[in-house]
Amino acid sequence: MGIFTFSASRGLRAAGLVLLLLAVCAAPCLLASPAAAQDYEAMMPESLHRELRHAERDYRDAIHAVNAAETERIARKAAGAAAEELRALDEKVGALVTKAEKLKVHADYLEELYEAKAKEYKNK
């Protein structure tokens, strides 16, 4: 019994250490969004304009992916695909639409921030 409890406690300690390392590594990734927003607010208008163009390009790419996925779904439906396959394609389209919506919100935020910064620097 003693050997079993010794190895079990060693295993629990190892698992706890792994979870602690994962939490420490994941914390900067999870906390990056507020820091990124603060960085955008500190940018000059020209830098914000470049970021805005990148965000708009990412949004357009996402919309093109949505259109391609919808076209694929329509083609598969016309070919007589199974209901399960069509459901999977619907989920794919839904995920792509959600991603595109998030990118659009981000691009709109950058656009509003850019306009405010441009006005602020123009008045100086």
N, C-alpha and C. Protein backbone atom coordinates (compact mmCIF):
# COMPACT_ATOMS: atom_id res chain seq x y z
N MET A 1 0.81 -1.20 0.00
CA MET A 1 0.00 0.00 0.00
C MET A 1 0.85 1.26 0.00
N GLY A 2 1.98 1.21 0.72
CA GLY A 2 2.82 2.39 0.83
C GLY A 2 3.39 2.82 -0.51
N ILE A 3 3.75 1.86 -1.35
CA ILE A 3 4.32 2.18 -2.66
C ILE A 3 3.26 2.81 -3.55
N PHE A 4 2.04 2.29 -3.45
CA PHE A 4 0.95 2.84 -4.27
C PHE A 4 0.65 4.29 -3.90
N THR A 5 0.56 4.60 -2.62
CA THR A 5 0.27 5.97 -2.20
C THR A 5 1.42 6.89 -2.53
N PHE A 6 2.65 6.39 -2.45
CA PHE A 6 3.81 7.21 -2.80
C PHE A 6 3.79 7.58 -4.28
N SER A 7 3.50 6.61 -5.15
CA SER A 7 3.48 6.88 -6.59
C SER A 7 2.25 7.71 -6.96
N ALA A 8 1.14 7.52 -6.25
CA ALA A 8 -0.06 8.32 -6.54
C ALA A 8 0.18 9.78 -6.16
N SER A 9 0.81 10.01 -5.02
CA SER A 9 1.07 11.40 -4.62
C SER A 9 2.09 12.03 -5.56
N ARG A 10 3.05 11.26 -6.02
CA ARG A 10 4.03 11.78 -6.98
C ARG A 10 3.33 12.14 -8.30
N GLY A 11 2.39 11.30 -8.72
CA GLY A 11 1.64 11.57 -9.95
C GLY A 11 0.78 12.81 -9.82
N LEU A 12 0.14 12.99 -8.66
CA LEU A 12 -0.67 14.18 -8.43
C LEU A 12 0.19 15.44 -8.41
N ARG A 13 1.36 15.36 -7.82
CA ARG A 13 2.26 16.51 -7.81
C ARG A 13 2.71 16.85 -9.23
N ALA A 14 3.01 15.85 -10.02
CA ALA A 14 3.44 16.08 -11.40
C ALA A 14 2.30 16.70 -12.21
N ALA A 15 1.08 16.20 -12.02
CA ALA A 15 -0.08 16.77 -12.73
C ALA A 15 -0.32 18.20 -12.30
N GLY A 16 -0.17 18.47 -11.01
CA GLY A 16 -0.34 19.84 -10.51
C GLY A 16 0.70 20.77 -11.10
N LEU A 17 1.93 20.30 -11.24
CA LEU A 17 2.98 21.11 -11.83
C LEU A 17 2.69 21.40 -13.30
N VAL A 18 2.22 20.40 -14.01
CA VAL A 18 1.88 20.58 -15.42
C VAL A 18 0.74 21.60 -15.56
N LEU A 19 -0.28 21.50 -14.73
CA LEU A 19 -1.39 22.45 -14.78
C LEU A 19 -0.93 23.86 -14.43
N LEU A 20 -0.03 23.98 -13.47
CA LEU A 20 0.51 25.29 -13.10
C LEU A 20 1.28 25.89 -14.26
N LEU A 21 2.10 25.09 -14.93
CA LEU A 21 2.86 25.59 -16.08
C LEU A 21 1.93 26.00 -17.22
N LEU A 22 0.88 25.23 -17.45
CA LEU A 22 -0.09 25.60 -18.49
C LEU A 22 -0.78 26.92 -18.15
N ALA A 23 -1.14 27.10 -16.89
CA ALA A 23 -1.81 28.33 -16.48
C ALA A 23 -0.87 29.53 -16.64
N VAL A 24 0.39 29.35 -16.29
CA VAL A 24 1.35 30.45 -16.41
C VAL A 24 1.58 30.79 -17.87
N CYS A 25 1.62 29.79 -18.72
CA CYS A 25 1.84 30.03 -20.15
C CYS A 25 0.60 30.60 -20.83
N ALA A 26 -0.58 30.22 -20.37
CA ALA A 26 -1.81 30.67 -21.01
C ALA A 26 -2.23 32.06 -20.55
N ALA A 27 -1.79 32.50 -19.40
CA ALA A 27 -2.22 33.80 -18.87
C ALA A 27 -1.88 34.96 -19.80
N PRO A 28 -0.67 35.06 -20.34
CA PRO A 28 -0.39 36.19 -21.25
C PRO A 28 -1.25 36.16 -22.52
N CYS A 29 -1.56 34.97 -23.00
CA CYS A 29 -2.39 34.87 -24.20
C CYS A 29 -3.81 35.33 -23.93
N LEU A 30 -4.32 34.98 -22.77
CA LEU A 30 -5.70 35.34 -22.43
C LEU A 30 -5.83 36.80 -22.06
N LEU A 31 -4.78 37.40 -21.57
CA LEU A 31 -4.83 38.80 -21.15
C LEU A 31 -4.31 39.75 -22.22
N ALA A 32 -4.08 39.27 -23.43
CA ALA A 32 -3.50 40.10 -24.47
C ALA A 32 -4.51 41.08 -25.06
N SER A 33 -5.80 40.78 -25.05
CA SER A 33 -6.79 41.64 -25.68
C SER A 33 -6.87 43.04 -25.06
N PRO A 34 -6.99 43.18 -23.74
CA PRO A 34 -7.01 44.53 -23.18
C PRO A 34 -5.70 45.28 -23.44
N ALA A 35 -4.58 44.56 -23.41
CA ALA A 35 -3.31 45.22 -23.66
C ALA A 35 -3.24 45.70 -25.10
N ALA A 36 -3.77 44.91 -26.03
CA ALA A 36 -3.76 45.31 -27.43
C ALA A 36 -4.63 46.55 -27.64
N ALA A 37 -5.76 46.63 -26.97
CA ALA A 37 -6.62 47.80 -27.09
C ALA A 37 -5.92 49.04 -26.57
N GLN A 38 -5.17 48.90 -25.50
CA GLN A 38 -4.43 50.04 -24.98
C GLN A 38 -3.35 50.46 -25.95
N ASP A 39 -2.74 49.50 -26.63
CA ASP A 39 -1.72 49.83 -27.62
C ASP A 39 -2.32 50.60 -28.79
N TYR A 40 -3.52 50.21 -29.21
CA TYR A 40 -4.16 50.92 -30.31
C TYR A 40 -4.44 52.37 -29.94
N GLU A 41 -4.84 52.60 -28.71
CA GLU A 41 -5.15 53.95 -28.28
C GLU A 41 -3.91 54.82 -28.19
N ALA A 42 -2.74 54.22 -28.04
CA ALA A 42 -1.50 54.97 -27.94
C ALA A 42 -0.85 55.21 -29.30
N MET A 43 -1.40 54.64 -30.36
CA MET A 43 -0.79 54.75 -31.68
C MET A 43 -1.05 56.11 -32.31
N MET A 44 -0.16 56.48 -33.21
CA MET A 44 -0.33 57.68 -34.01
C MET A 44 -1.35 57.38 -35.11
N PRO A 45 -1.96 58.41 -35.69
CA PRO A 45 -2.99 58.16 -36.71
C PRO A 45 -2.50 57.34 -37.91
N GLU A 46 -1.26 57.56 -38.35
CA GLU A 46 -0.76 56.80 -39.50
C GLU A 46 -0.66 55.32 -39.19
N SER A 47 -0.18 55.00 -37.99
CA SER A 47 -0.09 53.60 -37.59
C SER A 47 -1.47 52.98 -37.46
N LEU A 48 -2.40 53.74 -36.91
CA LEU A 48 -3.77 53.25 -36.79
C LEU A 48 -4.38 53.00 -38.16
N HIS A 49 -4.06 53.87 -39.11
CA HIS A 49 -4.59 53.71 -40.47
C HIS A 49 -4.06 52.41 -41.08
N ARG A 50 -2.78 52.11 -40.87
CA ARG A 50 -2.22 50.84 -41.37
C ARG A 50 -2.92 49.66 -40.71
N GLU A 51 -3.12 49.71 -39.40
CA GLU A 51 -3.80 48.63 -38.70
C GLU A 51 -5.24 48.48 -39.19
N LEU A 52 -5.88 49.61 -39.46
CA LEU A 52 -7.24 49.58 -39.98
C LEU A 52 -7.29 48.87 -41.32
N ARG A 53 -6.35 49.17 -42.20
CA ARG A 53 -6.31 48.52 -43.51
C ARG A 53 -6.08 47.01 -43.37
N HIS A 54 -5.20 46.62 -42.43
CA HIS A 54 -4.97 45.19 -42.20
C HIS A 54 -6.25 44.53 -41.69
N ALA A 55 -6.95 45.18 -40.78
CA ALA A 55 -8.19 44.61 -40.23
C ALA A 55 -9.25 44.49 -41.32
N GLU A 56 -9.35 45.49 -42.18
CA GLU A 56 -10.32 45.43 -43.28
C GLU A 56 -9.97 44.32 -44.26
N ARG A 57 -8.66 44.14 -44.53
CA ARG A 57 -8.24 43.06 -45.42
C ARG A 57 -8.58 41.70 -44.83
N ASP A 58 -8.35 41.53 -43.52
CA ASP A 58 -8.69 40.28 -42.86
C ASP A 58 -10.20 40.02 -42.92
N TYR A 59 -10.99 41.09 -42.76
CA TYR A 59 -12.45 40.96 -42.85
C TYR A 59 -12.87 40.54 -44.26
N ARG A 60 -12.29 41.16 -45.27
CA ARG A 60 -12.62 40.78 -46.65
C ARG A 60 -12.25 39.34 -46.93
N ASP A 61 -11.08 38.90 -46.43
CA ASP A 61 -10.68 37.50 -46.61
C ASP A 61 -11.67 36.56 -45.93
N ALA A 62 -12.13 36.94 -44.75
CA ALA A 62 -13.11 36.11 -44.04
C ALA A 62 -14.43 36.04 -44.80
N ILE A 63 -14.85 37.15 -45.37
CA ILE A 63 -16.09 37.17 -46.16
C ILE A 63 -15.95 36.30 -47.40
N HIS A 64 -14.77 36.34 -48.03
CA HIS A 64 -14.55 35.48 -49.20
C HIS A 64 -14.61 34.00 -48.79
N ALA A 65 -14.08 33.66 -47.62
CA ALA A 65 -14.14 32.28 -47.13
C ALA A 65 -15.59 31.88 -46.86
N VAL A 66 -16.39 32.79 -46.31
CA VAL A 66 -17.81 32.51 -46.07
C VAL A 66 -18.52 32.26 -47.39
N ASN A 67 -18.27 33.10 -48.37
CA ASN A 67 -18.91 32.92 -49.68
C ASN A 67 -18.51 31.60 -50.32
N ALA A 68 -17.23 31.23 -50.19
CA ALA A 68 -16.78 29.96 -50.76
C ALA A 68 -17.45 28.78 -50.05
N ALA A 69 -17.56 28.86 -48.73
CA ALA A 69 -18.20 27.78 -47.98
C ALA A 69 -19.68 27.67 -48.32
N GLU A 70 -20.35 28.81 -48.49
CA GLU A 70 -21.77 28.77 -48.87
C GLU A 70 -21.95 28.20 -50.28
N THR A 71 -21.06 28.56 -51.18
CA THR A 71 -21.11 28.02 -52.54
C THR A 71 -20.90 26.51 -52.52
N GLU A 72 -19.95 26.06 -51.70
CA GLU A 72 -19.71 24.62 -51.57
C GLU A 72 -20.94 23.92 -51.02
N ARG A 73 -21.59 24.52 -50.04
CA ARG A 73 -22.80 23.91 -49.45
C ARG A 73 -23.91 23.80 -50.49
N ILE A 74 -24.10 24.86 -51.26
CA ILE A 74 -25.14 24.86 -52.29
C ILE A 74 -24.84 23.79 -53.34
N ALA A 75 -23.57 23.67 -53.72
CA ALA A 75 -23.19 22.67 -54.73
C ALA A 75 -23.41 21.26 -54.19
N ARG A 76 -23.06 21.03 -52.95
CA ARG A 76 -23.25 19.70 -52.36
C ARG A 76 -24.74 19.38 -52.19
N LYS A 77 -25.53 20.40 -51.85
CA LYS A 77 -26.97 20.18 -51.71
C LYS A 77 -27.58 19.82 -53.06
N ALA A 78 -27.13 20.52 -54.11
CA ALA A 78 -27.63 20.23 -55.45
C ALA A 78 -27.20 18.84 -55.91
N ALA A 79 -26.04 18.38 -55.42
CA ALA A 79 -25.56 17.06 -55.79
C ALA A 79 -26.23 15.95 -54.98
N GLY A 80 -27.06 16.34 -54.01
CA GLY A 80 -27.80 15.36 -53.23
C GLY A 80 -27.03 14.83 -52.03
N ALA A 81 -26.33 15.71 -51.35
CA ALA A 81 -25.54 15.29 -50.18
C ALA A 81 -26.47 14.89 -49.03
N ALA A 82 -25.91 14.13 -48.12
CA ALA A 82 -26.67 13.66 -46.95
C ALA A 82 -26.92 14.82 -45.99
N ALA A 83 -27.91 14.65 -45.16
CA ALA A 83 -28.26 15.70 -44.20
C ALA A 83 -27.14 15.98 -43.22
N GLU A 84 -26.41 14.93 -42.82
CA GLU A 84 -25.29 15.11 -41.88
C GLU A 84 -24.20 15.96 -42.50
N GLU A 85 -23.91 15.71 -43.77
CA GLU A 85 -22.88 16.49 -44.46
C GLU A 85 -23.31 17.95 -44.59
N LEU A 86 -24.58 18.18 -44.89
CA LEU A 86 -25.08 19.54 -44.99
C LEU A 86 -25.05 20.25 -43.63
N ARG A 87 -25.33 19.51 -42.56
CA ARG A 87 -25.26 20.09 -41.21
C ARG A 87 -23.82 20.50 -40.89
N ALA A 88 -22.87 19.66 -41.27
CA ALA A 88 -21.47 19.97 -41.03
C ALA A 88 -21.05 21.22 -41.80
N LEU A 89 -21.54 21.32 -43.02
CA LEU A 89 -21.23 22.52 -43.82
C LEU A 89 -21.90 23.76 -43.23
N ASP A 90 -23.12 23.59 -42.70
CA ASP A 90 -23.79 24.71 -42.04
C ASP A 90 -22.98 25.20 -40.83
N GLU A 91 -22.44 24.24 -40.07
CA GLU A 91 -21.63 24.61 -38.90
C GLU A 91 -20.37 25.34 -39.34
N LYS A 92 -19.77 24.88 -40.43
CA LYS A 92 -18.57 25.54 -40.96
C LYS A 92 -18.89 26.96 -41.38
N VAL A 93 -19.99 27.14 -42.08
CA VAL A 93 -20.40 28.48 -42.52
C VAL A 93 -20.69 29.35 -41.30
N GLY A 94 -21.36 28.79 -40.31
CA GLY A 94 -21.66 29.55 -39.10
C GLY A 94 -20.40 30.01 -38.38
N ALA A 95 -19.41 29.13 -38.29
CA ALA A 95 -18.14 29.50 -37.64
C ALA A 95 -17.44 30.60 -38.42
N LEU A 96 -17.46 30.49 -39.74
CA LEU A 96 -16.81 31.51 -40.56
C LEU A 96 -17.54 32.86 -40.46
N VAL A 97 -18.86 32.82 -40.38
CA VAL A 97 -19.63 34.06 -40.23
C VAL A 97 -19.32 34.71 -38.88
N THR A 98 -19.23 33.91 -37.84
CA THR A 98 -18.90 34.44 -36.51
C THR A 98 -17.52 35.10 -36.53
N LYS A 99 -16.57 34.44 -37.18
CA LYS A 99 -15.22 35.01 -37.29
C LYS A 99 -15.26 36.32 -38.07
N ALA A 100 -16.02 36.35 -39.16
CA ALA A 100 -16.12 37.57 -39.96
C ALA A 100 -16.78 38.70 -39.17
N GLU A 101 -17.79 38.37 -38.37
CA GLU A 101 -18.44 39.40 -37.54
C GLU A 101 -17.46 39.99 -36.54
N LYS A 102 -16.65 39.14 -35.91
CA LYS A 102 -15.67 39.63 -34.95
C LYS A 102 -14.64 40.53 -35.63
N LEU A 103 -14.21 40.14 -36.82
CA LEU A 103 -13.26 40.95 -37.55
C LEU A 103 -13.87 42.29 -37.96
N LYS A 104 -15.14 42.29 -38.31
CA LYS A 104 -15.83 43.53 -38.68
C LYS A 104 -15.94 44.48 -37.49
N VAL A 105 -16.27 43.92 -36.32
CA VAL A 105 -16.36 44.74 -35.11
C VAL A 105 -15.00 45.35 -34.80
N HIS A 106 -13.94 44.56 -34.94
CA HIS A 106 -12.59 45.06 -34.69
C HIS A 106 -12.22 46.16 -35.69
N ALA A 107 -12.56 45.95 -36.95
CA ALA A 107 -12.26 46.96 -37.97
C ALA A 107 -13.05 48.24 -37.71
N ASP A 108 -14.31 48.11 -37.31
CA ASP A 108 -15.11 49.30 -37.00
C ASP A 108 -14.53 50.06 -35.81
N TYR A 109 -14.06 49.32 -34.79
CA TYR A 109 -13.44 49.96 -33.62
C TYR A 109 -12.20 50.73 -34.05
N LEU A 110 -11.37 50.11 -34.89
CA LEU A 110 -10.16 50.80 -35.35
C LEU A 110 -10.50 52.02 -36.20
N GLU A 111 -11.55 51.91 -37.00
CA GLU A 111 -11.94 53.04 -37.83
C GLU A 111 -12.40 54.22 -36.98
N GLU A 112 -13.21 53.95 -35.97
CA GLU A 112 -13.66 55.02 -35.08
C GLU A 112 -12.49 55.63 -34.32
N LEU A 113 -11.58 54.80 -33.86
CA LEU A 113 -10.42 55.29 -33.14
C LEU A 113 -9.52 56.11 -34.06
N TYR A 114 -9.36 55.66 -35.29
CA TYR A 114 -8.55 56.40 -36.26
C TYR A 114 -9.16 57.77 -36.53
N GLU A 115 -10.47 57.82 -36.75
CA GLU A 115 -11.12 59.10 -37.02
C GLU A 115 -10.96 60.06 -35.84
N ALA A 116 -11.10 59.54 -34.62
CA ALA A 116 -10.94 60.38 -33.44
C ALA A 116 -9.51 60.88 -33.32
N LYS A 117 -8.53 60.01 -33.54
CA LYS A 117 -7.12 60.41 -33.46
C LYS A 117 -6.77 61.41 -34.56
N ALA A 118 -7.30 61.18 -35.76
CA ALA A 118 -7.01 62.10 -36.87
C ALA A 118 -7.57 63.48 -36.56
N LYS A 119 -8.77 63.54 -36.00
CA LYS A 119 -9.37 64.81 -35.61
C LYS A 119 -8.56 65.48 -34.52
N GLU A 120 -8.14 64.69 -33.55
CA GLU A 120 -7.35 65.20 -32.42
C GLU A 120 -6.04 65.80 -32.91
N TYR A 121 -5.35 65.10 -33.81
CA TYR A 121 -4.07 65.61 -34.30
C TYR A 121 -4.25 66.77 -35.27
N LYS A 122 -5.38 66.81 -35.97
CA LYS A 122 -5.65 67.90 -36.89
C LYS A 122 -5.89 69.18 -36.12
N ASN A 123 -6.55 69.10 -34.96
CA ASN A 123 -6.85 70.28 -34.16
C ASN A 123 -5.64 70.80 -33.40
N LYS A 124 -4.59 70.04 -33.30
CA LYS A 124 -3.39 70.49 -32.57
C LYS A 124 -2.55 71.45 -33.37
